[in-house]
């Protein structure tokens, strides 16, 4: 991973995680908790599902015209794995 090009992947990961955690919060609040009255373990499962990083096969399916974007996408996926692990540890300690 190149250190000079790290700002764009970090911003992408943080934005993606914030949006997905917002969706997971709404899903947990209105469906899992209020409508279905399920246990906290189901809420943790929803948060875990939304915290998972994107699949590693994305660069394989990219065409040759997007060769310049592959390093950015690989850096983003790599950083997302690290951020997901950290976020999961924080989430488990909170819940």
PDB file of N, CA and C in Angstrom:
ATOM      1  N   UNK A   1       0.838  -1.163   0.000  1.00  0.00           N
ATOM      2  CA  UNK A   1       0.000   0.000   0.000  1.00  0.00           C
ATOM      3  C   UNK A   1       0.893   1.239   0.000  1.00  0.00           C
ATOM      4  N   UNK A   2       0.561   2.174  -0.842  1.00  0.00           N
ATOM      5  CA  UNK A   2       1.342   3.398  -0.933  1.00  0.00           C
ATOM      6  C   UNK A   2       0.809   4.415   0.066  1.00  0.00           C
ATOM      7  N   UNK A   3       1.709   4.957   0.862  1.00  0.00           N
ATOM      8  CA  UNK A   3       1.307   5.875   1.921  1.00  0.00           C
ATOM      9  C   UNK A   3       0.805   7.199   1.355  1.00  0.00           C
ATOM     10  N   UNK A   4       1.349   7.650   0.248  1.00  0.00           N
ATOM     11  CA  UNK A   4       0.957   8.950  -0.295  1.00  0.00           C
ATOM     12  C   UNK A   4      -0.465   8.944  -0.859  1.00  0.00           C
ATOM     13  N   UNK A   5      -0.991   7.797  -1.206  1.00  0.00           N
ATOM     14  CA  UNK A   5      -2.341   7.696  -1.772  1.00  0.00           C
ATOM     15  C   UNK A   5      -3.339   7.100  -0.790  1.00  0.00           C
ATOM     16  N   UNK A   6      -3.141   7.329   0.486  1.00  0.00           N
ATOM     17  CA  UNK A   6      -3.974   6.664   1.479  1.00  0.00           C
ATOM     18  C   UNK A   6      -5.211   7.469   1.865  1.00  0.00           C
ATOM     19  N   UNK A   7      -5.231   8.761   1.585  1.00  0.00           N
ATOM     20  CA  UNK A   7      -6.346   9.595   2.019  1.00  0.00           C
ATOM     21  C   UNK A   7      -7.660   9.217   1.337  1.00  0.00           C
ATOM     22  N   UNK A   8      -7.640   8.988   0.043  1.00  0.00           N
ATOM     23  CA  UNK A   8      -8.869   8.623  -0.679  1.00  0.00           C
ATOM     24  C   UNK A   8      -9.455   7.299  -0.197  1.00  0.00           C
ATOM     25  N   UNK A   9      -8.651   6.243  -0.041  1.00  0.00           N
ATOM     26  CA  UNK A   9      -9.228   4.998   0.493  1.00  0.00           C
ATOM     27  C   UNK A   9      -9.760   5.131   1.923  1.00  0.00           C
ATOM     28  N   UNK A  10      -9.087   5.913   2.766  1.00  0.00           N
ATOM     29  CA  UNK A  10      -9.564   6.086   4.138  1.00  0.00           C
ATOM     30  C   UNK A  10     -10.908   6.804   4.136  1.00  0.00           C
ATOM     31  N   UNK A  11     -11.029   7.857   3.342  1.00  0.00           N
ATOM     32  CA  UNK A  11     -12.300   8.569   3.260  1.00  0.00           C
ATOM     33  C   UNK A  11     -13.409   7.679   2.709  1.00  0.00           C
ATOM     34  N   UNK A  12     -13.074   6.860   1.723  1.00  0.00           N
ATOM     35  CA  UNK A  12     -14.051   5.936   1.148  1.00  0.00           C
ATOM     36  C   UNK A  12     -14.531   4.930   2.182  1.00  0.00           C
ATOM     37  N   UNK A  13     -13.604   4.368   2.923  1.00  0.00           N
ATOM     38  CA  UNK A  13     -13.957   3.373   3.942  1.00  0.00           C
ATOM     39  C   UNK A  13     -14.815   4.002   5.039  1.00  0.00           C
ATOM     40  N   UNK A  14     -14.411   5.168   5.516  1.00  0.00           N
ATOM     41  CA  UNK A  14     -15.170   5.813   6.587  1.00  0.00           C
ATOM     42  C   UNK A  14     -16.568   6.206   6.129  1.00  0.00           C
ATOM     43  N   UNK A  15     -16.681   6.731   4.922  1.00  0.00           N
ATOM     44  CA  UNK A  15     -17.990   7.105   4.397  1.00  0.00           C
ATOM     45  C   UNK A  15     -18.876   5.876   4.218  1.00  0.00           C
ATOM     46  N   UNK A  16     -18.312   4.806   3.670  1.00  0.00           N
ATOM     47  CA  UNK A  16     -19.078   3.570   3.467  1.00  0.00           C
ATOM     48  C   UNK A  16     -19.544   2.990   4.792  1.00  0.00           C
ATOM     49  N   UNK A  17     -18.645   2.967   5.781  1.00  0.00           N
ATOM     50  CA  UNK A  17     -19.004   2.408   7.079  1.00  0.00           C
ATOM     51  C   UNK A  17     -20.056   3.264   7.782  1.00  0.00           C
ATOM     52  N   UNK A  18     -19.958   4.577   7.672  1.00  0.00           N
ATOM     53  CA  UNK A  18     -20.962   5.455   8.300  1.00  0.00           C
ATOM     54  C   UNK A  18     -22.338   5.252   7.673  1.00  0.00           C
ATOM     55  N   UNK A  19     -22.390   5.185   6.368  1.00  0.00           N
ATOM     56  CA  UNK A  19     -23.670   4.989   5.693  1.00  0.00           C
ATOM     57  C   UNK A  19     -24.267   3.629   6.054  1.00  0.00           C
ATOM     58  N   UNK A  20     -23.452   2.588   6.007  1.00  0.00           N
ATOM     59  CA  UNK A  20     -23.958   1.252   6.304  1.00  0.00           C
ATOM     60  C   UNK A  20     -24.332   1.081   7.776  1.00  0.00           C
ATOM     61  N   UNK A  21     -23.609   1.729   8.681  1.00  0.00           N
ATOM     62  CA  UNK A  21     -23.974   1.646  10.091  1.00  0.00           C
ATOM     63  C   UNK A  21     -25.279   2.398  10.350  1.00  0.00           C
ATOM     64  N   UNK A  22     -25.510   3.479   9.618  1.00  0.00           N
ATOM     65  CA  UNK A  22     -26.790   4.180   9.727  1.00  0.00           C
ATOM     66  C   UNK A  22     -27.946   3.316   9.274  1.00  0.00           C
ATOM     67  N   UNK A  23     -27.751   2.623   8.149  1.00  0.00           N
ATOM     68  CA  UNK A  23     -28.789   1.712   7.652  1.00  0.00           C
ATOM     69  C   UNK A  23     -29.008   0.565   8.635  1.00  0.00           C
ATOM     70  N   UNK A  24     -27.926   0.018   9.179  1.00  0.00           N
ATOM     71  CA  UNK A  24     -28.047  -1.081  10.146  1.00  0.00           C
ATOM     72  C   UNK A  24     -28.744  -0.610  11.416  1.00  0.00           C
ATOM     73  N   UNK A  25     -28.459   0.614  11.854  1.00  0.00           N
ATOM     74  CA  UNK A  25     -29.126   1.149  13.039  1.00  0.00           C
ATOM     75  C   UNK A  25     -30.632   1.275  12.813  1.00  0.00           C
ATOM     76  N   UNK A  26     -31.015   1.817  11.660  1.00  0.00           N
ATOM     77  CA  UNK A  26     -32.437   1.945  11.353  1.00  0.00           C
ATOM     78  C   UNK A  26     -33.113   0.573  11.260  1.00  0.00           C
ATOM     79  N   UNK A  27     -32.446  -0.369  10.623  1.00  0.00           N
ATOM     80  CA  UNK A  27     -32.979  -1.724  10.503  1.00  0.00           C
ATOM     81  C   UNK A  27     -33.148  -2.373  11.871  1.00  0.00           C
ATOM     82  N   UNK A  28     -32.135  -2.210  12.711  1.00  0.00           N
ATOM     83  CA  UNK A  28     -32.211  -2.781  14.055  1.00  0.00           C
ATOM     84  C   UNK A  28     -33.299  -2.124  14.897  1.00  0.00           C
ATOM     85  N   UNK A  29     -33.402  -0.815  14.799  1.00  0.00           N
ATOM     86  CA  UNK A  29     -34.364  -0.095  15.627  1.00  0.00           C
ATOM     87  C   UNK A  29     -35.798  -0.425  15.246  1.00  0.00           C
ATOM     88  N   UNK A  30     -36.101  -0.345  13.964  1.00  0.00           N
ATOM     89  CA  UNK A  30     -37.493  -0.471  13.547  1.00  0.00           C
ATOM     90  C   UNK A  30     -37.955  -1.895  13.264  1.00  0.00           C
ATOM     91  N   UNK A  31     -37.069  -2.744  12.781  1.00  0.00           N
ATOM     92  CA  UNK A  31     -37.504  -4.098  12.423  1.00  0.00           C
ATOM     93  C   UNK A  31     -37.106  -5.116  13.481  1.00  0.00           C
ATOM     94  N   UNK A  32     -35.813  -5.187  13.795  1.00  0.00           N
ATOM     95  CA  UNK A  32     -35.328  -6.225  14.716  1.00  0.00           C
ATOM     96  C   UNK A  32     -35.877  -6.006  16.130  1.00  0.00           C
ATOM     97  N   UNK A  33     -35.837  -4.754  16.608  1.00  0.00           N
ATOM     98  CA  UNK A  33     -36.239  -4.489  17.986  1.00  0.00           C
ATOM     99  C   UNK A  33     -37.740  -4.250  18.132  1.00  0.00           C
ATOM    100  N   UNK A  34     -38.283  -3.287  17.400  1.00  0.00           N
ATOM    101  CA  UNK A  34     -39.685  -2.893  17.618  1.00  0.00           C
ATOM    102  C   UNK A  34     -40.693  -3.819  16.953  1.00  0.00           C
ATOM    103  N   UNK A  35     -40.430  -4.271  15.752  1.00  0.00           N
ATOM    104  CA  UNK A  35     -41.408  -5.097  15.042  1.00  0.00           C
ATOM    105  C   UNK A  35     -41.310  -6.579  15.433  1.00  0.00           C
ATOM    106  N   UNK A  36     -40.086  -7.092  15.503  1.00  0.00           N
ATOM    107  CA  UNK A  36     -39.909  -8.522  15.756  1.00  0.00           C
ATOM    108  C   UNK A  36     -39.568  -8.855  17.205  1.00  0.00           C
ATOM    109  N   UNK A  37     -39.118  -7.878  17.981  1.00  0.00           N
ATOM    110  CA  UNK A  37     -38.755  -8.067  19.390  1.00  0.00           C
ATOM    111  C   UNK A  37     -37.719  -9.176  19.564  1.00  0.00           C
ATOM    112  N   UNK A  38     -36.677  -9.125  18.744  1.00  0.00           N
ATOM    113  CA  UNK A  38     -35.635 -10.148  18.810  1.00  0.00           C
ATOM    114  C   UNK A  38     -34.544  -9.765  19.810  1.00  0.00           C
ATOM    115  N   UNK A  39     -33.721 -10.717  20.126  1.00  0.00           N
ATOM    116  CA  UNK A  39     -32.647 -10.588  21.104  1.00  0.00           C
ATOM    117  C   UNK A  39     -31.528  -9.674  20.593  1.00  0.00           C
ATOM    118  N   UNK A  40     -30.659  -9.219  21.503  1.00  0.00           N
ATOM    119  CA  UNK A  40     -29.509  -8.375  21.153  1.00  0.00           C
ATOM    120  C   UNK A  40     -28.537  -9.095  20.213  1.00  0.00           C
ATOM    121  N   UNK A  41     -28.507 -10.426  20.265  1.00  0.00           N
ATOM    122  CA  UNK A  41     -27.600 -11.161  19.382  1.00  0.00           C
ATOM    123  C   UNK A  41     -27.987 -10.979  17.914  1.00  0.00           C
ATOM    124  N   UNK A  42     -29.272 -10.802  17.635  1.00  0.00           N
ATOM    125  CA  UNK A  42     -29.701 -10.544  16.267  1.00  0.00           C
ATOM    126  C   UNK A  42     -29.276  -9.154  15.819  1.00  0.00           C
ATOM    127  N   UNK A  43     -29.311  -8.198  16.736  1.00  0.00           N
ATOM    128  CA  UNK A  43     -28.843  -6.857  16.411  1.00  0.00           C
ATOM    129  C   UNK A  43     -27.351  -6.868  16.116  1.00  0.00           C
ATOM    130  N   UNK A  44     -26.600  -7.608  16.914  1.00  0.00           N
ATOM    131  CA  UNK A  44     -25.167  -7.738  16.683  1.00  0.00           C
ATOM    132  C   UNK A  44     -24.893  -8.391  15.331  1.00  0.00           C
ATOM    133  N   UNK A  45     -25.719  -9.363  14.972  1.00  0.00           N
ATOM    134  CA  UNK A  45     -25.559 -10.030  13.675  1.00  0.00           C
ATOM    135  C   UNK A  45     -25.805  -9.066  12.517  1.00  0.00           C
ATOM    136  N   UNK A  46     -26.801  -8.188  12.651  1.00  0.00           N
ATOM    137  CA  UNK A  46     -27.079  -7.207  11.590  1.00  0.00           C
ATOM    138  C   UNK A  46     -25.913  -6.235  11.473  1.00  0.00           C
ATOM    139  N   UNK A  47     -25.415  -5.732  12.599  1.00  0.00           N
ATOM    140  CA  UNK A  47     -24.261  -4.828  12.555  1.00  0.00           C
ATOM    141  C   UNK A  47     -23.046  -5.518  11.947  1.00  0.00           C
ATOM    142  N   UNK A  48     -22.827  -6.767  12.302  1.00  0.00           N
ATOM    143  CA  UNK A  48     -21.695  -7.515  11.752  1.00  0.00           C
ATOM    144  C   UNK A  48     -21.828  -7.672  10.237  1.00  0.00           C
ATOM    145  N   UNK A  49     -23.027  -7.976   9.778  1.00  0.00           N
ATOM    146  CA  UNK A  49     -23.240  -8.134   8.337  1.00  0.00           C
ATOM    147  C   UNK A  49     -22.948  -6.831   7.589  1.00  0.00           C
ATOM    148  N   UNK A  50     -23.357  -5.702   8.161  1.00  0.00           N
ATOM    149  CA  UNK A  50     -23.137  -4.430   7.498  1.00  0.00           C
ATOM    150  C   UNK A  50     -21.710  -3.915   7.663  1.00  0.00           C
ATOM    151  N   UNK A  51     -20.953  -4.456   8.623  1.00  0.00           N
ATOM    152  CA  UNK A  51     -19.559  -4.056   8.817  1.00  0.00           C
ATOM    153  C   UNK A  51     -18.591  -4.791   7.892  1.00  0.00           C
ATOM    154  N   UNK A  52     -19.013  -5.882   7.318  1.00  0.00           N
ATOM    155  CA  UNK A  52     -18.106  -6.687   6.512  1.00  0.00           C
ATOM    156  C   UNK A  52     -17.559  -5.896   5.327  1.00  0.00           C
ATOM    157  N   UNK A  53     -16.292  -6.130   4.988  1.00  0.00           N
ATOM    158  CA  UNK A  53     -15.698  -5.401   3.856  1.00  0.00           C
ATOM    159  C   UNK A  53     -16.247  -5.912   2.529  1.00  0.00           C
ATOM    160  N   UNK A  54     -16.057  -5.133   1.463  1.00  0.00           N
ATOM    161  CA  UNK A  54     -16.479  -5.598   0.139  1.00  0.00           C
ATOM    162  C   UNK A  54     -15.653  -6.815  -0.276  1.00  0.00           C
ATOM    163  N   UNK A  55     -16.149  -7.589  -1.217  1.00  0.00           N
ATOM    164  CA  UNK A  55     -15.431  -8.817  -1.615  1.00  0.00           C
ATOM    165  C   UNK A  55     -14.114  -8.519  -2.319  1.00  0.00           C
ATOM    166  N   UNK A  56     -13.175  -9.429  -2.154  1.00  0.00           N
ATOM    167  CA  UNK A  56     -11.847  -9.271  -2.742  1.00  0.00           C
ATOM    168  C   UNK A  56     -11.828  -9.542  -4.246  1.00  0.00           C
ATOM    169  N   UNK A  57     -12.888 -10.064  -4.818  1.00  0.00           N
ATOM    170  CA  UNK A  57     -12.905 -10.402  -6.240  1.00  0.00           C
ATOM    171  C   UNK A  57     -13.232  -9.201  -7.125  1.00  0.00           C
ATOM    172  N   UNK A  58     -13.533  -8.062  -6.547  1.00  0.00           N
ATOM    173  CA  UNK A  58     -13.898  -6.890  -7.345  1.00  0.00           C
ATOM    174  C   UNK A  58     -12.824  -6.535  -8.374  1.00  0.00           C
ATOM    175  N   UNK A  59     -11.535  -6.474  -8.024  1.00  0.00           N
ATOM    176  CA  UNK A  59     -10.530  -6.125  -9.043  1.00  0.00           C
ATOM    177  C   UNK A  59     -10.411  -7.151 -10.179  1.00  0.00           C
ATOM    178  N   UNK A  60     -10.802  -8.388  -9.927  1.00  0.00           N
ATOM    179  CA  UNK A  60     -10.723  -9.409 -10.971  1.00  0.00           C
ATOM    180  C   UNK A  60     -11.701  -9.107 -12.094  1.00  0.00           C
ATOM    181  N   UNK A  61     -12.873  -8.604 -11.742  1.00  0.00           N
ATOM    182  CA  UNK A  61     -13.908  -8.343 -12.739  1.00  0.00           C
ATOM    183  C   UNK A  61     -13.795  -6.963 -13.383  1.00  0.00           C
ATOM    184  N   UNK A  62     -12.814  -6.203 -12.994  1.00  0.00           N
ATOM    185  CA  UNK A  62     -12.614  -4.894 -13.613  1.00  0.00           C
ATOM    186  C   UNK A  62     -11.947  -5.081 -14.964  1.00  0.00           C
ATOM    187  N   UNK A  63     -12.336  -4.269 -15.913  1.00  0.00           N
ATOM    188  CA  UNK A  63     -11.759  -4.363 -17.244  1.00  0.00           C
ATOM    189  C   UNK A  63     -10.363  -3.770 -17.303  1.00  0.00           C
ATOM    190  N   UNK A  64      -9.735  -3.945 -18.438  1.00  0.00           N
ATOM    191  CA  UNK A  64      -8.383  -3.412 -18.612  1.00  0.00           C
ATOM    192  C   UNK A  64      -8.367  -1.891 -18.678  1.00  0.00           C
ATOM    193  N   UNK A  65      -9.486  -1.288 -18.999  1.00  0.00           N
ATOM    194  CA  UNK A  65      -9.546   0.171 -19.084  1.00  0.00           C
ATOM    195  C   UNK A  65      -9.446   0.835 -17.716  1.00  0.00           C
ATOM    196  N   UNK A  66      -9.639   0.087 -16.665  1.00  0.00           N
ATOM    197  CA  UNK A  66      -9.595   0.665 -15.322  1.00  0.00           C
ATOM    198  C   UNK A  66      -8.379   0.191 -14.524  1.00  0.00           C
ATOM    199  N   UNK A  67      -7.289  -0.027 -15.195  1.00  0.00           N
ATOM    200  CA  UNK A  67      -6.061  -0.469 -14.527  1.00  0.00           C
ATOM    201  C   UNK A  67      -5.547   0.574 -13.541  1.00  0.00           C
ATOM    202  N   UNK A  68      -5.809   1.845 -13.802  1.00  0.00           N
ATOM    203  CA  UNK A  68      -5.335   2.906 -12.910  1.00  0.00           C
ATOM    204  C   UNK A  68      -6.079   2.893 -11.581  1.00  0.00           C
ATOM    205  N   UNK A  69      -7.293   2.357 -11.584  1.00  0.00           N
ATOM    206  CA  UNK A  69      -8.109   2.346 -10.372  1.00  0.00           C
ATOM    207  C   UNK A  69      -7.853   1.122  -9.480  1.00  0.00           C
ATOM    208  N   UNK A  70      -7.201   0.093 -10.010  1.00  0.00           N
ATOM    209  CA  UNK A  70      -6.990  -1.127  -9.221  1.00  0.00           C
ATOM    210  C   UNK A  70      -6.222  -0.893  -7.924  1.00  0.00           C
ATOM    211  N   UNK A  71      -5.126  -0.107  -7.929  1.00  0.00           N
ATOM    212  CA  UNK A  71      -4.432   0.110  -6.641  1.00  0.00           C
ATOM    213  C   UNK A  71      -5.302   0.813  -5.605  1.00  0.00           C
ATOM    214  N   UNK A  72      -6.104   1.761  -6.041  1.00  0.00           N
ATOM    215  CA  UNK A  72      -6.987   2.463  -5.109  1.00  0.00           C
ATOM    216  C   UNK A  72      -8.021   1.499  -4.540  1.00  0.00           C
ATOM    217  N   UNK A  73      -8.584   0.664  -5.381  1.00  0.00           N
ATOM    218  CA  UNK A  73      -9.595  -0.293  -4.919  1.00  0.00           C
ATOM    219  C   UNK A  73      -8.975  -1.337  -3.995  1.00  0.00           C
ATOM    220  N   UNK A  74      -7.803  -1.829  -4.326  1.00  0.00           N
ATOM    221  CA  UNK A  74      -7.135  -2.793  -3.455  1.00  0.00           C
ATOM    222  C   UNK A  74      -6.768  -2.171  -2.114  1.00  0.00           C
ATOM    223  N   UNK A  75      -6.301  -0.923  -2.123  1.00  0.00           N
ATOM    224  CA  UNK A  75      -6.002  -0.230  -0.867  1.00  0.00           C
ATOM    225  C   UNK A  75      -7.269  -0.035  -0.036  1.00  0.00           C
ATOM    226  N   UNK A  76      -8.360   0.303  -0.709  1.00  0.00           N
ATOM    227  CA  UNK A  76      -9.624   0.510  -0.008  1.00  0.00           C
ATOM    228  C   UNK A  76     -10.099  -0.788   0.640  1.00  0.00           C
ATOM    229  N   UNK A  77     -10.039  -1.869  -0.084  1.00  0.00           N
ATOM    230  CA  UNK A  77     -10.475  -3.155   0.468  1.00  0.00           C
ATOM    231  C   UNK A  77      -9.578  -3.571   1.635  1.00  0.00           C
ATOM    232  N   UNK A  78      -8.271  -3.386   1.497  1.00  0.00           N
ATOM    233  CA  UNK A  78      -7.342  -3.745   2.573  1.00  0.00           C
ATOM    234  C   UNK A  78      -7.600  -2.918   3.832  1.00  0.00           C
ATOM    235  N   UNK A  79      -7.788  -1.625   3.652  1.00  0.00           N
ATOM    236  CA  UNK A  79      -8.075  -0.773   4.801  1.00  0.00           C
ATOM    237  C   UNK A  79      -9.429  -1.096   5.418  1.00  0.00           C
ATOM    238  N   UNK A  80     -10.379  -1.466   4.579  1.00  0.00           N
ATOM    239  CA  UNK A  80     -11.711  -1.796   5.089  1.00  0.00           C
ATOM    240  C   UNK A  80     -11.665  -3.027   5.981  1.00  0.00           C
ATOM    241  N   UNK A  81     -10.817  -3.977   5.658  1.00  0.00           N
ATOM    242  CA  UNK A  81     -10.666  -5.163   6.511  1.00  0.00           C
ATOM    243  C   UNK A  81     -10.168  -4.742   7.891  1.00  0.00           C
ATOM    244  N   UNK A  82      -9.149  -3.884   7.934  1.00  0.00           N
ATOM    245  CA  UNK A  82      -8.617  -3.429   9.216  1.00  0.00           C
ATOM    246  C   UNK A  82      -9.651  -2.626  10.007  1.00  0.00           C
ATOM    247  N   UNK A  83     -10.328  -1.706   9.334  1.00  0.00           N
ATOM    248  CA  UNK A  83     -11.342  -0.892  10.002  1.00  0.00           C
ATOM    249  C   UNK A  83     -12.499  -1.760  10.483  1.00  0.00           C
ATOM    250  N   UNK A  84     -12.853  -2.786   9.721  1.00  0.00           N
ATOM    251  CA  UNK A  84     -13.946  -3.683  10.118  1.00  0.00           C
ATOM    252  C   UNK A  84     -13.584  -4.463  11.380  1.00  0.00           C
ATOM    253  N   UNK A  85     -12.356  -4.924  11.454  1.00  0.00           N
ATOM    254  CA  UNK A  85     -11.922  -5.645  12.651  1.00  0.00           C
ATOM    255  C   UNK A  85     -11.959  -4.746  13.879  1.00  0.00           C
ATOM    256  N   UNK A  86     -11.473  -3.524  13.727  1.00  0.00           N
ATOM    257  CA  UNK A  86     -11.487  -2.576  14.841  1.00  0.00           C
ATOM    258  C   UNK A  86     -12.924  -2.244  15.242  1.00  0.00           C
ATOM    259  N   UNK A  87     -13.764  -1.976  14.255  1.00  0.00           N
ATOM    260  CA  UNK A  87     -15.165  -1.629  14.536  1.00  0.00           C
ATOM    261  C   UNK A  87     -15.892  -2.794  15.190  1.00  0.00           C
ATOM    262  N   UNK A  88     -15.602  -4.014  14.787  1.00  0.00           N
ATOM    263  CA  UNK A  88     -16.260  -5.172  15.388  1.00  0.00           C
ATOM    264  C   UNK A  88     -15.865  -5.333  16.851  1.00  0.00           C
ATOM    265  N   UNK A  89     -14.594  -5.130  17.156  1.00  0.00           N
ATOM    266  CA  UNK A  89     -14.147  -5.223  18.553  1.00  0.00           C
ATOM    267  C   UNK A  89     -14.833  -4.156  19.398  1.00  0.00           C
ATOM    268  N   UNK A  90     -14.927  -2.932  18.865  1.00  0.00           N
ATOM    269  CA  UNK A  90     -15.612  -1.864  19.586  1.00  0.00           C
ATOM    270  C   UNK A  90     -17.100  -2.193  19.751  1.00  0.00           C
ATOM    271  N   UNK A  91     -17.718  -2.703  18.702  1.00  0.00           N
ATOM    272  CA  UNK A  91     -19.144  -3.035  18.756  1.00  0.00           C
ATOM    273  C   UNK A  91     -19.437  -4.116  19.776  1.00  0.00           C
ATOM    274  N   UNK A  92     -18.625  -5.145  19.811  1.00  0.00           N
ATOM    275  CA  UNK A  92     -18.829  -6.239  20.766  1.00  0.00           C
ATOM    276  C   UNK A  92     -18.621  -5.740  22.194  1.00  0.00           C
ATOM    277  N   UNK A  93     -17.665  -4.862  22.392  1.00  0.00           N
ATOM    278  CA  UNK A  93     -17.438  -4.355  23.747  1.00  0.00           C
ATOM    279  C   UNK A  93     -18.564  -3.436  24.202  1.00  0.00           C
ATOM    280  N   UNK A  94     -19.215  -2.732  23.263  1.00  0.00           N
ATOM    281  CA  UNK A  94     -20.330  -1.865  23.611  1.00  0.00           C
ATOM    282  C   UNK A  94     -21.588  -2.678  23.894  1.00  0.00           C
ATOM    283  N   UNK A  95     -21.855  -3.658  23.045  1.00  0.00           N
ATOM    284  CA  UNK A  95     -23.080  -4.442  23.194  1.00  0.00           C
ATOM    285  C   UNK A  95     -22.852  -5.527  24.224  1.00  0.00           C
TER     286      UNK A  95
END
